[in-house]
Amino acid sequence: MASLLAEVGDYEAALQCFRDALSLFPGHGPAAVGVGQILLRMDRVGEAEEACRDALAANPGDPDLLALYGETLLTAGRLDAAEAALS
């Protein structure tokens, strides 16, 4: 449902769906990625970065989360941090 909402541009509703999923299944990697992706689409880069850090604490080494975290850091203009996160 969240992905469909995001596709039609209802980012607030999509974000809420992903957050609801995380409340039911804490640490669920795909839902955490969804939260970060939606926050990036909404230009809420700081929140996306925080969401990625929190998700990586629960899922260290998750390749999708690491890629999203790197993308988030790049979007924030933090090139050195992005390189460190992805190496």
PDB file of N, CA and C in Angstrom:
ATOM      1  N   MET A   1       0.813  -1.193   0.000  1.00  0.00           N
ATOM      2  CA  MET A   1       0.000   0.000   0.000  1.00  0.00           C
ATOM      3  C   MET A   1       0.865   1.270   0.000  1.00  0.00           C
ATOM      4  N   ALA A   2       1.895   1.268   0.843  1.00  0.00           N
ATOM      5  CA  ALA A   2       2.749   2.450   0.940  1.00  0.00           C
ATOM      6  C   ALA A   2       3.408   2.768  -0.394  1.00  0.00           C
ATOM      7  N   SER A   3       3.863   1.739  -1.088  1.00  0.00           N
ATOM      8  CA  SER A   3       4.517   1.966  -2.381  1.00  0.00           C
ATOM      9  C   SER A   3       3.550   2.549  -3.400  1.00  0.00           C
ATOM     10  N   LEU A   4       2.317   2.085  -3.388  1.00  0.00           N
ATOM     11  CA  LEU A   4       1.310   2.626  -4.307  1.00  0.00           C
ATOM     12  C   LEU A   4       1.014   4.087  -3.990  1.00  0.00           C
ATOM     13  N   LEU A   5       0.907   4.389  -2.709  1.00  0.00           N
ATOM     14  CA  LEU A   5       0.671   5.778  -2.315  1.00  0.00           C
ATOM     15  C   LEU A   5       1.823   6.672  -2.766  1.00  0.00           C
ATOM     16  N   ALA A   6       3.043   6.172  -2.641  1.00  0.00           N
ATOM     17  CA  ALA A   6       4.203   6.945  -3.083  1.00  0.00           C
ATOM     18  C   ALA A   6       4.180   7.159  -4.588  1.00  0.00           C
ATOM     19  N   GLU A   7       3.774   6.128  -5.320  1.00  0.00           N
ATOM     20  CA  GLU A   7       3.720   6.232  -6.787  1.00  0.00           C
ATOM     21  C   GLU A   7       2.770   7.323  -7.251  1.00  0.00           C
ATOM     22  N   VAL A   8       1.667   7.520  -6.523  1.00  0.00           N
ATOM     23  CA  VAL A   8       0.714   8.556  -6.922  1.00  0.00           C
ATOM     24  C   VAL A   8       1.015   9.899  -6.257  1.00  0.00           C
ATOM     25  N   GLY A   9       2.135   9.961  -5.515  1.00  0.00           N
ATOM     26  CA  GLY A   9       2.573  11.225  -4.947  1.00  0.00           C
ATOM     27  C   GLY A   9       2.006  11.570  -3.592  1.00  0.00           C
ATOM     28  N   ASP A  10       1.323  10.638  -2.945  1.00  0.00           N
ATOM     29  CA  ASP A  10       0.799  10.898  -1.600  1.00  0.00           C
ATOM     30  C   ASP A  10       1.848  10.467  -0.584  1.00  0.00           C
ATOM     31  N   TYR A  11       2.891  11.289  -0.482  1.00  0.00           N
ATOM     32  CA  TYR A  11       4.040  10.932   0.339  1.00  0.00           C
ATOM     33  C   TYR A  11       3.723  10.893   1.827  1.00  0.00           C
ATOM     34  N   GLU A  12       2.888  11.779   2.300  1.00  0.00           N
ATOM     35  CA  GLU A  12       2.533  11.763   3.722  1.00  0.00           C
ATOM     36  C   GLU A  12       1.856  10.451   4.093  1.00  0.00           C
ATOM     37  N   ALA A  13       0.909  10.007   3.274  1.00  0.00           N
ATOM     38  CA  ALA A  13       0.217   8.748   3.553  1.00  0.00           C
ATOM     39  C   ALA A  13       1.170   7.565   3.423  1.00  0.00           C
ATOM     40  N   ALA A  14       2.058   7.597   2.441  1.00  0.00           N
ATOM     41  CA  ALA A  14       3.033   6.526   2.267  1.00  0.00           C
ATOM     42  C   ALA A  14       3.964   6.453   3.470  1.00  0.00           C
ATOM     43  N   LEU A  15       4.411   7.614   3.916  1.00  0.00           N
ATOM     44  CA  LEU A  15       5.287   7.671   5.079  1.00  0.00           C
ATOM     45  C   LEU A  15       4.599   7.076   6.300  1.00  0.00           C
ATOM     46  N   GLN A  16       3.337   7.421   6.492  1.00  0.00           N
ATOM     47  CA  GLN A  16       2.592   6.891   7.631  1.00  0.00           C
ATOM     48  C   GLN A  16       2.453   5.373   7.538  1.00  0.00           C
ATOM     49  N   CYS A  17       2.221   4.853   6.346  1.00  0.00           N
ATOM     50  CA  CYS A  17       2.120   3.393   6.169  1.00  0.00           C
ATOM     51  C   CYS A  17       3.431   2.704   6.529  1.00  0.00           C
ATOM     52  N   PHE A  18       4.540   3.249   6.044  1.00  0.00           N
ATOM     53  CA  PHE A  18       5.835   2.653   6.369  1.00  0.00           C
ATOM     54  C   PHE A  18       6.110   2.741   7.871  1.00  0.00           C
ATOM     55  N   ARG A  19       5.773   3.860   8.483  1.00  0.00           N
ATOM     56  CA  ARG A  19       5.981   3.995   9.930  1.00  0.00           C
ATOM     57  C   ARG A  19       5.068   3.051  10.709  1.00  0.00           C
ATOM     58  N   ASP A  20       3.846   2.868  10.222  1.00  0.00           N
ATOM     59  CA  ASP A  20       2.947   1.896  10.865  1.00  0.00           C
ATOM     60  C   ASP A  20       3.543   0.494  10.790  1.00  0.00           C
ATOM     61  N   ALA A  21       4.122   0.156   9.645  1.00  0.00           N
ATOM     62  CA  ALA A  21       4.748  -1.156   9.497  1.00  0.00           C
ATOM     63  C   ALA A  21       5.901  -1.313  10.483  1.00  0.00           C
ATOM     64  N   LEU A  22       6.679  -0.253  10.667  1.00  0.00           N
ATOM     65  CA  LEU A  22       7.791  -0.323  11.617  1.00  0.00           C
ATOM     66  C   LEU A  22       7.305  -0.440  13.054  1.00  0.00           C
ATOM     67  N   SER A  23       6.159   0.145  13.342  1.00  0.00           N
ATOM     68  CA  SER A  23       5.640   0.010  14.707  1.00  0.00           C
ATOM     69  C   SER A  23       5.180  -1.422  14.971  1.00  0.00           C
ATOM     70  N   LEU A  24       4.703  -2.097  13.933  1.00  0.00           N
ATOM     71  CA  LEU A  24       4.294  -3.498  14.071  1.00  0.00           C
ATOM     72  C   LEU A  24       5.487  -4.445  14.027  1.00  0.00           C
ATOM     73  N   PHE A  25       6.467  -4.104  13.207  1.00  0.00           N
ATOM     74  CA  PHE A  25       7.644  -4.954  13.002  1.00  0.00           C
ATOM     75  C   PHE A  25       8.907  -4.096  13.142  1.00  0.00           C
ATOM     76  N   PRO A  26       9.275  -3.746  14.376  1.00  0.00           N
ATOM     77  CA  PRO A  26      10.454  -2.896  14.585  1.00  0.00           C
ATOM     78  C   PRO A  26      11.701  -3.481  13.918  1.00  0.00           C
ATOM     79  N   GLY A  27      12.434  -2.614  13.269  1.00  0.00           N
ATOM     80  CA  GLY A  27      13.662  -3.034  12.618  1.00  0.00           C
ATOM     81  C   GLY A  27      13.480  -3.681  11.256  1.00  0.00           C
ATOM     82  N   HIS A  28      12.253  -3.712  10.747  1.00  0.00           N
ATOM     83  CA  HIS A  28      11.989  -4.325   9.444  1.00  0.00           C
ATOM     84  C   HIS A  28      12.702  -3.513   8.360  1.00  0.00           C
ATOM     85  N   GLY A  29      13.685  -4.138   7.731  1.00  0.00           N
ATOM     86  CA  GLY A  29      14.532  -3.440   6.768  1.00  0.00           C
ATOM     87  C   GLY A  29      13.796  -2.767   5.630  1.00  0.00           C
ATOM     88  N   PRO A  30      12.916  -3.483   4.905  1.00  0.00           N
ATOM     89  CA  PRO A  30      12.227  -2.837   3.781  1.00  0.00           C
ATOM     90  C   PRO A  30      11.362  -1.644   4.203  1.00  0.00           C
ATOM     91  N   ALA A  31      10.723  -1.727   5.353  1.00  0.00           N
ATOM     92  CA  ALA A  31       9.922  -0.593   5.819  1.00  0.00           C
ATOM     93  C   ALA A  31      10.827   0.583   6.176  1.00  0.00           C
ATOM     94  N   ALA A  32      11.982   0.284   6.770  1.00  0.00           N
ATOM     95  CA  ALA A  32      12.925   1.342   7.116  1.00  0.00           C
ATOM     96  C   ALA A  32      13.460   2.025   5.861  1.00  0.00           C
ATOM     97  N   VAL A  33      13.739   1.236   4.838  1.00  0.00           N
ATOM     98  CA  VAL A  33      14.175   1.809   3.559  1.00  0.00           C
ATOM     99  C   VAL A  33      13.069   2.695   2.996  1.00  0.00           C
ATOM    100  N   GLY A  34      11.837   2.229   3.081  1.00  0.00           N
ATOM    101  CA  GLY A  34      10.702   3.016   2.595  1.00  0.00           C
ATOM    102  C   GLY A  34      10.598   4.363   3.277  1.00  0.00           C
ATOM    103  N   VAL A  35      10.764   4.367   4.599  1.00  0.00           N
ATOM    104  CA  VAL A  35      10.722   5.637   5.342  1.00  0.00           C
ATOM    105  C   VAL A  35      11.798   6.576   4.815  1.00  0.00           C
ATOM    106  N   GLY A  36      13.016   6.084   4.701  1.00  0.00           N
ATOM    107  CA  GLY A  36      14.111   6.926   4.223  1.00  0.00           C
ATOM    108  C   GLY A  36      13.894   7.439   2.812  1.00  0.00           C
ATOM    109  N   GLN A  37      13.422   6.571   1.929  1.00  0.00           N
ATOM    110  CA  GLN A  37      13.182   6.992   0.546  1.00  0.00           C
ATOM    111  C   GLN A  37      12.108   8.066   0.464  1.00  0.00           C
ATOM    112  N   ILE A  38      11.032   7.883   1.210  1.00  0.00           N
ATOM    113  CA  ILE A  38       9.954   8.871   1.175  1.00  0.00           C
ATOM    114  C   ILE A  38      10.439  10.203   1.747  1.00  0.00           C
ATOM    115  N   LEU A  39      11.171  10.150   2.844  1.00  0.00           N
ATOM    116  CA  LEU A  39      11.692  11.392   3.410  1.00  0.00           C
ATOM    117  C   LEU A  39      12.595  12.117   2.418  1.00  0.00           C
ATOM    118  N   LEU A  40      13.411  11.365   1.690  1.00  0.00           N
ATOM    119  CA  LEU A  40      14.246  12.001   0.656  1.00  0.00           C
ATOM    120  C   LEU A  40      13.391  12.641  -0.427  1.00  0.00           C
ATOM    121  N   ARG A  41      12.363  11.936  -0.877  1.00  0.00           N
ATOM    122  CA  ARG A  41      11.475  12.499  -1.905  1.00  0.00           C
ATOM    123  C   ARG A  41      10.797  13.779  -1.427  1.00  0.00           C
ATOM    124  N   MET A  42      10.593  13.869  -0.119  1.00  0.00           N
ATOM    125  CA  MET A  42       9.946  15.044   0.460  1.00  0.00           C
ATOM    126  C   MET A  42      10.957  16.140   0.802  1.00  0.00           C
ATOM    127  N   ASP A  43      12.230  15.922   0.421  1.00  0.00           N
ATOM    128  CA  ASP A  43      13.322  16.860   0.721  1.00  0.00           C
ATOM    129  C   ASP A  43      13.519  17.073   2.211  1.00  0.00           C
ATOM    130  N   ARG A  44      13.265  16.036   2.989  1.00  0.00           N
ATOM    131  CA  ARG A  44      13.485  16.066   4.434  1.00  0.00           C
ATOM    132  C   ARG A  44      14.750  15.251   4.711  1.00  0.00           C
ATOM    133  N   VAL A  45      15.856  15.792   4.219  1.00  0.00           N
ATOM    134  CA  VAL A  45      17.122  15.062   4.186  1.00  0.00           C
ATOM    135  C   VAL A  45      17.633  14.756   5.589  1.00  0.00           C
ATOM    136  N   GLY A  46      17.539  15.702   6.489  1.00  0.00           N
ATOM    137  CA  GLY A  46      18.004  15.472   7.856  1.00  0.00           C
ATOM    138  C   GLY A  46      17.245  14.342   8.531  1.00  0.00           C
ATOM    139  N   GLU A  47      15.944  14.323   8.336  1.00  0.00           N
ATOM    140  CA  GLU A  47      15.133  13.241   8.902  1.00  0.00           C
ATOM    141  C   GLU A  47      15.458  11.908   8.237  1.00  0.00           C
ATOM    142  N   ALA A  48      15.712  11.938   6.931  1.00  0.00           N
ATOM    143  CA  ALA A  48      16.074  10.709   6.218  1.00  0.00           C
ATOM    144  C   ALA A  48      17.391  10.161   6.752  1.00  0.00           C
ATOM    145  N   GLU A  49      18.339  11.046   6.982  1.00  0.00           N
ATOM    146  CA  GLU A  49      19.637  10.611   7.516  1.00  0.00           C
ATOM    147  C   GLU A  49      19.468   9.975   8.894  1.00  0.00           C
ATOM    148  N   GLU A  50      18.686  10.608   9.740  1.00  0.00           N
ATOM    149  CA  GLU A  50      18.438  10.066  11.082  1.00  0.00           C
ATOM    150  C   GLU A  50      17.725   8.714  11.004  1.00  0.00           C
ATOM    151  N   ALA A  51      16.743   8.599  10.120  1.00  0.00           N
ATOM    152  CA  ALA A  51      16.015   7.342   9.960  1.00  0.00           C
ATOM    153  C   ALA A  51      16.958   6.236   9.491  1.00  0.00           C
ATOM    154  N   CYS A  52      17.864   6.568   8.587  1.00  0.00           N
ATOM    155  CA  CYS A  52      18.834   5.576   8.105  1.00  0.00           C
ATOM    156  C   CYS A  52      19.763   5.127   9.222  1.00  0.00           C
ATOM    157  N   ARG A  53      20.268   6.075   9.994  1.00  0.00           N
ATOM    158  CA  ARG A  53      21.158   5.710  11.109  1.00  0.00           C
ATOM    159  C   ARG A  53      20.446   4.793  12.092  1.00  0.00           C
ATOM    160  N   ASP A  54      19.204   5.138  12.433  1.00  0.00           N
ATOM    161  CA  ASP A  54      18.430   4.309  13.359  1.00  0.00           C
ATOM    162  C   ASP A  54      18.209   2.913  12.788  1.00  0.00           C
ATOM    163  N   ALA A  55      17.870   2.847  11.516  1.00  0.00           N
ATOM    164  CA  ALA A  55      17.609   1.556  10.874  1.00  0.00           C
ATOM    165  C   ALA A  55      18.885   0.722  10.790  1.00  0.00           C
ATOM    166  N   LEU A  56      20.008   1.364  10.517  1.00  0.00           N
ATOM    167  CA  LEU A  56      21.270   0.630  10.440  1.00  0.00           C
ATOM    168  C   LEU A  56      21.706   0.116  11.807  1.00  0.00           C
ATOM    169  N   ALA A  57      21.308   0.797  12.872  1.00  0.00           N
ATOM    170  CA  ALA A  57      21.611   0.299  14.212  1.00  0.00           C
ATOM    171  C   ALA A  57      20.908  -1.032  14.447  1.00  0.00           C
ATOM    172  N   ALA A  58      19.709  -1.183  13.881  1.00  0.00           N
ATOM    173  CA  ALA A  58      18.939  -2.422  14.029  1.00  0.00           C
ATOM    174  C   ALA A  58      19.320  -3.447  12.968  1.00  0.00           C
ATOM    175  N   ASN A  59      19.840  -2.986  11.834  1.00  0.00           N
ATOM    176  CA  ASN A  59      20.170  -3.864  10.701  1.00  0.00           C
ATOM    177  C   ASN A  59      21.549  -3.531  10.153  1.00  0.00           C
ATOM    178  N   PRO A  60      22.594  -3.700  10.957  1.00  0.00           N
ATOM    179  CA  PRO A  60      23.927  -3.323  10.464  1.00  0.00           C
ATOM    180  C   PRO A  60      24.312  -4.155   9.238  1.00  0.00           C
ATOM    181  N   GLY A  61      24.844  -3.475   8.273  1.00  0.00           N
ATOM    182  CA  GLY A  61      25.294  -4.173   7.075  1.00  0.00           C
ATOM    183  C   GLY A  61      24.223  -4.425   6.032  1.00  0.00           C
ATOM    184  N   ASP A  62      22.975  -4.027   6.284  1.00  0.00           N
ATOM    185  CA  ASP A  62      21.913  -4.224   5.289  1.00  0.00           C
ATOM    186  C   ASP A  62      22.275  -3.431   4.036  1.00  0.00           C
ATOM    187  N   PRO A  63      22.448  -4.102   2.901  1.00  0.00           N
ATOM    188  CA  PRO A  63      22.927  -3.397   1.703  1.00  0.00           C
ATOM    189  C   PRO A  63      21.968  -2.319   1.197  1.00  0.00           C
ATOM    190  N   ASP A  64      20.669  -2.550   1.301  1.00  0.00           N
ATOM    191  CA  ASP A  64      19.714  -1.534   0.840  1.00  0.00           C
ATOM    192  C   ASP A  64      19.757  -0.300   1.735  1.00  0.00           C
ATOM    193  N   LEU A  65      19.867  -0.522   3.035  1.00  0.00           N
ATOM    194  CA  LEU A  65      19.961   0.613   3.964  1.00  0.00           C
ATOM    195  C   LEU A  65      21.270   1.362   3.783  1.00  0.00           C
ATOM    196  N   LEU A  66      22.361   0.618   3.581  1.00  0.00           N
ATOM    197  CA  LEU A  66      23.652   1.286   3.362  1.00  0.00           C
ATOM    198  C   LEU A  66      23.622   2.134   2.097  1.00  0.00           C
ATOM    199  N   ALA A  67      23.026   1.608   1.043  1.00  0.00           N
ATOM    200  CA  ALA A  67      22.931   2.368  -0.208  1.00  0.00           C
ATOM    201  C   ALA A  67      22.086   3.623  -0.010  1.00  0.00           C
ATOM    202  N   LEU A  68      20.976   3.487   0.691  1.00  0.00           N
ATOM    203  CA  LEU A  68      20.116   4.642   0.950  1.00  0.00           C
ATOM    204  C   LEU A  68      20.826   5.661   1.833  1.00  0.00           C
ATOM    205  N   TYR A  69      21.542   5.183   2.833  1.00  0.00           N
ATOM    206  CA  TYR A  69      22.287   6.086   3.710  1.00  0.00           C
ATOM    207  C   TYR A  69      23.329   6.857   2.901  1.00  0.00           C
ATOM    208  N   GLY A  70      24.035   6.153   2.022  1.00  0.00           N
ATOM    209  CA  GLY A  70      25.006   6.829   1.165  1.00  0.00           C
ATOM    210  C   GLY A  70      24.342   7.869   0.273  1.00  0.00           C
ATOM    211  N   GLU A  71      23.207   7.517  -0.314  1.00  0.00           N
ATOM    212  CA  GLU A  71      22.466   8.463  -1.151  1.00  0.00           C
ATOM    213  C   GLU A  71      22.020   9.673  -0.347  1.00  0.00           C
ATOM    214  N   THR A  72      21.579   9.423   0.872  1.00  0.00           N
ATOM    215  CA  THR A  72      21.130  10.507   1.747  1.00  0.00           C
ATOM    216  C   THR A  72      22.274  11.448   2.073  1.00  0.00           C
ATOM    217  N   LEU A  73      23.423  10.884   2.402  1.00  0.00           N
ATOM    218  CA  LEU A  73      24.591  11.718   2.696  1.00  0.00           C
ATOM    219  C   LEU A  73      25.044  12.506   1.474  1.00  0.00           C
ATOM    220  N   LEU A  74      24.994  11.880   0.308  1.00  0.00           N
ATOM    221  CA  LEU A  74      25.338  12.600  -0.920  1.00  0.00           C
ATOM    222  C   LEU A  74      24.377  13.755  -1.167  1.00  0.00           C
ATOM    223  N   THR A  75      23.088  13.494  -0.956  1.00  0.00           N
ATOM    224  CA  THR A  75      22.081  14.536  -1.139  1.00  0.00           C
ATOM    225  C   THR A  75      22.331  15.702  -0.190  1.00  0.00           C
ATOM    226  N   ALA A  76      22.814  15.381   1.009  1.00  0.00           N
ATOM    227  CA  ALA A  76      23.113  16.414   2.002  1.00  0.00           C
ATOM    228  C   ALA A  76      24.433  17.124   1.704  1.00  0.00           C
ATOM    229  N   GLY A  77      25.159  16.655   0.675  1.00  0.00           N
ATOM    230  CA  GLY A  77      26.429  17.276   0.322  1.00  0.00           C
ATOM    231  C   GLY A  77      27.583  16.818   1.186  1.00  0.00           C
ATOM    232  N   ARG A  78      27.404  15.716   1.877  1.00  0.00           N
ATOM    233  CA  ARG A  78      28.434  15.203   2.783  1.00  0.00           C
ATOM    234  C   ARG A  78      29.183  14.058   2.087  1.00  0.00           C
ATOM    235  N   LEU A  79      29.989  14.424   1.115  1.00  0.00           N
ATOM    236  CA  LEU A  79      30.659  13.446   0.267  1.00  0.00           C
ATOM    237  C   LEU A  79      31.607  12.541   1.038  1.00  0.00           C
ATOM    238  N   ASP A  80      32.386  13.107   1.950  1.00  0.00           N
ATOM    239  CA  ASP A  80      33.337  12.300   2.718  1.00  0.00           C
ATOM    240  C   ASP A  80      32.599  11.283   3.595  1.00  0.00           C
ATOM    241  N   ALA A  81      31.518  11.718   4.219  1.00  0.00           N
ATOM    242  CA  ALA A  81      30.732  10.813   5.062  1.00  0.00           C
ATOM    243  C   ALA A  81      30.090   9.717   4.226  1.00  0.00           C
ATOM    244  N   ALA A  82      29.623  10.071   3.034  1.00  0.00           N
ATOM    245  CA  ALA A  82      29.013   9.076   2.151  1.00  0.00           C
ATOM    246  C   ALA A  82      30.041   8.037   1.746  1.00  0.00           C
ATOM    247  N   GLU A  83      31.245   8.483   1.403  1.00  0.00           N
ATOM    248  CA  GLU A  83      32.300   7.547   1.013  1.00  0.00           C
ATOM    249  C   GLU A  83      32.649   6.625   2.181  1.00  0.00           C
ATOM    250  N   ALA A  84      32.755   7.188   3.373  1.00  0.00           N
ATOM    251  CA  ALA A  84      33.072   6.372   4.546  1.00  0.00           C
ATOM    252  C   ALA A  84      31.959   5.368   4.834  1.00  0.00           C
ATOM    253  N   ALA A  85      30.733   5.770   4.676  1.00  0.00           N
ATOM    254  CA  ALA A  85      29.608   4.880   4.966  1.00  0.00           C
ATOM    255  C   ALA A  85      29.539   3.728   3.990  1.00  0.00           C
ATOM    256  N   LEU A  86      29.966   3.958   2.766  1.00  0.00           N
ATOM    257  CA  LEU A  86      29.844   2.938   1.728  1.00  0.00           C
ATOM    258  C   LEU A  86      31.102   2.088   1.576  1.00  0.00           C
ATOM    259  N   SER A  87      32.136   2.401   2.337  1.00  0.00           N
ATOM    260  CA  SER A  87      33.363   1.592   2.197  1.00  0.00           C
ATOM    261  C   SER A  87      33.477   0.545   3.277  1.00  0.00           C
TER     262      SER A  87
END
